[in-house]
Amino acid sequence: MPPWPATEAELVELQHEIGAARPPTWEPPDAPLVAGCFVCFPRGKSGAGAAGDPAVAAAAALRELTVVAAAVVPGAAGAPYAAGLLALR
């Protein structure tokens, strides 16, 4: 697996690569795993966050309406907010 993009240029290049990919059609298994993730950051005075802002991430995975994994993790934003580049945060 390649390293996570560390710069805007690396992330944009990866987004273009993913956008151009043509993987085979996905077929869900009989009991698919469904997952979701949410990350919260405080609003800055201008509405745009800064690198180092406190953050909380939460994720959960369910199979057949049963939670099979869940986590909540505090941390800090790795980069300021930039539209389309949330993966750097």
Protein backbone atom coordinates (compact mmCIF):
# COMPACT_ATOMS: atom_id res chain seq x y z
CA MET A 1 0.00 0.00 0.00
CA PRO A 2 1.45 3.42 -0.91
CA PRO A 3 2.03 5.99 1.84
CA TRP A 4 -0.73 8.46 2.69
CA PRO A 5 -0.35 11.70 0.67
CA ALA A 6 1.52 14.33 2.71
CA THR A 7 1.14 17.36 0.43
CA GLU A 8 -1.62 18.99 -1.62
CA ALA A 9 0.17 18.02 -4.85
CA GLU A 10 0.42 14.35 -3.81
CA LEU A 11 -3.26 14.25 -2.80
CA VAL A 12 -4.45 15.89 -6.04
CA GLU A 13 -2.33 13.43 -8.07
CA LEU A 14 -3.81 10.49 -6.15
CA GLN A 15 -7.37 11.85 -6.59
CA HIS A 16 -6.81 12.03 -10.37
CA GLU A 17 -5.38 8.50 -10.38
CA ILE A 18 -8.36 7.13 -8.45
CA GLY A 19 -10.77 9.04 -10.69
CA ALA A 20 -9.22 7.48 -13.80
CA ALA A 21 -9.23 3.93 -12.39
CA ARG A 22 -11.67 1.43 -13.86
CA PRO A 23 -11.88 -1.42 -11.32
CA PRO A 24 -14.13 -4.42 -11.93
CA THR A 25 -17.76 -4.07 -10.85
CA TRP A 26 -18.14 -4.76 -7.15
CA GLU A 27 -20.62 -7.41 -6.05
CA PRO A 28 -21.62 -7.24 -2.38
CA PRO A 29 -21.38 -10.42 -0.31
CA ASP A 30 -24.48 -12.00 1.20
CA ALA A 31 -23.90 -10.16 4.49
CA PRO A 32 -22.06 -6.95 3.55
CA LEU A 33 -20.04 -4.99 6.05
CA VAL A 34 -21.30 -1.41 6.20
CA ALA A 35 -19.13 1.26 7.81
CA GLY A 36 -19.12 4.98 8.38
CA CYS A 37 -16.73 7.59 9.71
CA PHE A 38 -17.18 11.13 11.00
CA VAL A 39 -14.53 13.68 12.01
CA CYS A 40 -15.25 16.86 13.99
CA PHE A 41 -13.16 20.03 14.06
CA PRO A 42 -13.95 23.32 15.81
CA ARG A 43 -14.90 26.29 13.66
CA GLY A 44 -12.24 28.98 13.48
CA LYS A 45 -13.03 32.69 13.52
CA SER A 46 -12.99 32.71 9.71
CA GLY A 47 -14.73 29.34 9.42
CA ALA A 48 -11.53 27.72 8.09
CA GLY A 49 -9.58 25.42 10.40
CA ALA A 50 -5.86 25.49 11.00
CA ALA A 51 -3.25 22.75 11.25
CA GLY A 52 -3.08 21.50 14.82
CA ASP A 53 -6.77 22.16 15.53
CA PRO A 54 -8.18 19.60 17.98
CA ALA A 55 -10.26 16.89 16.31
CA VAL A 56 -12.31 13.83 17.22
CA ALA A 57 -12.91 10.96 14.79
CA ALA A 58 -15.51 8.23 15.23
CA ALA A 59 -16.17 5.15 13.12
CA ALA A 60 -18.49 2.15 13.28
CA ALA A 61 -18.95 -1.01 11.23
CA LEU A 62 -22.11 -3.08 11.08
CA ARG A 63 -23.01 -6.45 9.61
CA GLU A 64 -26.66 -7.51 9.53
CA LEU A 65 -27.62 -4.58 11.81
CA THR A 66 -25.08 -5.61 14.46
CA VAL A 67 -22.17 -3.33 15.38
CA VAL A 68 -19.01 -5.39 14.86
CA ALA A 69 -16.48 -2.62 15.52
CA ALA A 70 -16.50 0.96 16.75
CA ALA A 71 -13.90 3.51 17.80
CA VAL A 72 -13.61 7.13 18.90
CA VAL A 73 -10.16 8.76 18.63
CA PRO A 74 -9.08 12.28 19.66
CA GLY A 75 -6.27 13.96 17.76
CA ALA A 76 -5.20 17.06 15.91
CA ALA A 77 -5.62 18.24 12.32
CA GLY A 78 -2.52 17.61 10.21
CA ALA A 79 -3.17 20.50 7.83
CA PRO A 80 -5.40 23.57 7.48
CA TYR A 81 -8.81 23.16 5.85
CA ALA A 82 -8.76 23.33 2.04
CA ALA A 83 -11.83 22.45 -0.05
CA GLY A 84 -11.36 19.09 -1.79
CA LEU A 85 -8.29 18.24 0.28
CA LEU A 86 -9.90 16.99 3.50
CA ALA A 87 -7.69 13.88 3.50
CA LEU A 88 -4.76 16.07 4.57
CA ARG A 89 -6.57 17.14 7.75
